[in-house]
Protein backbone atom coordinates (compact mmCIF):
# COMPACT_ATOMS: atom_id res chain seq x y z
CA MET A 1 -0.37 -0.18 0.13
CA SER A 2 1.48 3.47 -0.92
CA LYS A 3 2.34 5.96 1.82
CA TYR A 4 0.03 8.50 -0.15
CA VAL A 5 -2.75 6.82 0.23
CA LYS A 6 -4.45 9.52 1.73
CA TYR A 7 -3.36 12.17 -0.88
CA LEU A 8 -4.48 10.20 -3.86
CA GLN A 9 -8.10 9.81 -2.33
CA LEU A 10 -7.83 13.93 -2.25
CA MET A 11 -6.63 13.77 -5.66
CA GLY A 12 -9.73 11.40 -6.87
CA LEU A 13 -12.03 13.54 -4.31
CA ALA A 14 -11.17 16.46 -6.17
CA GLN A 15 -11.34 15.09 -9.81
CA ARG A 16 -15.34 13.80 -9.04
CA ALA A 17 -15.75 17.34 -7.39
CA GLY A 18 -13.94 19.50 -10.72
CA LYS A 19 -11.14 20.75 -8.90
CA LEU A 20 -8.66 19.25 -10.40
CA LEU A 21 -6.50 20.01 -14.14
CA SER A 22 -4.57 17.02 -15.32
CA GLY A 23 -1.88 16.76 -18.23
CA THR A 24 0.58 18.62 -19.02
CA GLU A 25 -0.97 21.02 -21.13
CA GLY A 26 -3.96 21.37 -19.31
CA VAL A 27 -1.57 22.53 -16.02
CA MET A 28 -0.04 24.52 -18.42
CA LYS A 29 -2.98 26.95 -20.11
CA ALA A 30 -4.43 27.17 -16.51
CA LEU A 31 -0.76 28.04 -14.86
CA ARG A 32 -1.11 31.07 -17.52
CA SER A 33 -4.36 32.24 -17.01
CA GLY A 34 -4.58 32.09 -13.08
CA GLN A 35 -6.91 28.84 -12.35
CA VAL A 36 -4.17 27.12 -10.57
CA ARG A 37 -3.79 26.79 -6.56
CA LEU A 38 -1.17 23.70 -6.67
CA VAL A 39 0.74 21.18 -9.03
CA ILE A 40 1.41 18.12 -8.48
CA ALA A 41 4.11 16.23 -10.43
CA ALA A 42 4.64 12.92 -10.06
CA GLU A 43 8.17 11.87 -8.07
CA ASP A 44 9.48 9.78 -11.48
CA LEU A 45 8.70 13.34 -13.52
CA SER A 46 12.43 13.82 -15.76
CA GLU A 47 14.39 16.37 -14.08
CA SER A 48 13.92 18.93 -16.95
CA ALA A 49 9.83 18.42 -16.55
CA ARG A 50 10.29 18.95 -13.02
CA ARG A 51 12.86 21.84 -13.33
CA ASN A 52 10.43 23.61 -16.07
CA LEU A 53 7.07 23.22 -14.23
CA GLU A 54 8.47 24.48 -11.09
CA ALA A 55 9.99 27.30 -12.44
CA LYS A 56 6.57 28.30 -14.13
CA CYS A 57 4.73 28.07 -11.03
CA GLN A 58 7.39 30.10 -9.34
CA GLN A 59 6.66 32.82 -12.50
CA ALA A 60 3.01 32.17 -11.68
CA ASN A 61 3.38 32.15 -7.18
CA VAL A 62 1.88 29.01 -7.27
CA ALA A 63 2.09 26.26 -4.64
CA PHE A 64 4.56 22.80 -5.89
CA MET A 65 5.30 19.48 -5.16
CA GLN A 66 6.29 16.22 -6.00
CA LEU A 67 4.69 13.23 -4.61
CA ALA A 68 3.43 9.47 -5.40
CA THR A 69 5.08 7.88 -8.78
CA SER A 70 2.66 8.46 -12.19
CA GLU A 71 1.58 4.61 -12.08
CA GLU A 72 0.03 6.08 -8.17
CA ILE A 73 -1.37 8.66 -9.60
CA SER A 74 -2.87 6.80 -12.10
CA GLN A 75 -4.80 4.26 -10.67
CA ALA A 76 -6.34 7.08 -8.55
CA LEU A 77 -7.76 9.04 -11.98
CA GLY A 78 -8.34 6.09 -13.62
CA LYS A 79 -6.50 8.01 -16.39
CA LYS A 80 -2.64 7.96 -17.22
CA ARG A 81 -1.24 10.86 -15.69
CA SER A 82 2.07 12.55 -14.12
CA VAL A 83 1.44 15.74 -13.82
CA LEU A 84 -1.82 17.61 -12.05
CA ALA A 85 -3.28 20.96 -10.51
CA LEU A 86 -5.34 21.83 -7.92
CA THR A 87 -8.07 24.25 -8.94
CA ASP A 88 -9.45 24.83 -6.05
CA GLN A 89 -8.28 26.62 -2.78
CA GLY A 90 -9.49 24.65 -0.12
CA PHE A 91 -8.38 21.09 -2.02
CA ALA A 92 -5.11 22.89 -2.47
CA LYS A 93 -4.16 23.98 1.85
CA SER A 94 -5.60 20.15 2.58
CA PHE A 95 -1.97 19.20 0.31
CA LEU A 96 0.01 21.48 1.74
CA LYS A 97 -1.17 20.96 5.42
CA SER A 98 -0.73 17.67 5.44
CA LYS A 99 2.50 17.46 3.24
CA GLY A 100 3.68 19.98 6.03
CA HIS A 101 3.76 23.18 4.28
CA THR A 102 2.28 26.19 6.07
CA THR A 103 1.43 29.42 3.53
CA MET A 104 0.09 28.89 0.81
CA GLN A 105 2.66 30.98 -2.08
């Protein structure tokens, strides 16, 4: 069982609530339009993709975190994904609080 069960369940809940975007292109587009509160990338995302995504988040003043593997995330969402974005402040705060972050960017 994954150590990220709580997060994976929260991802599924956010998806059902319509507050989760997935896929690199969709996340990047939402970042540019200011809709994103938190970006989540899989731990096994390539280093260059992670750096690029993290830089875009920094430019947009959006929190960024890595957790779980692409496989775990894909299983939780029912589709192959490794990059996600939460558009809801409440969901984002739940993730950050659980991960030990105290503030939103």
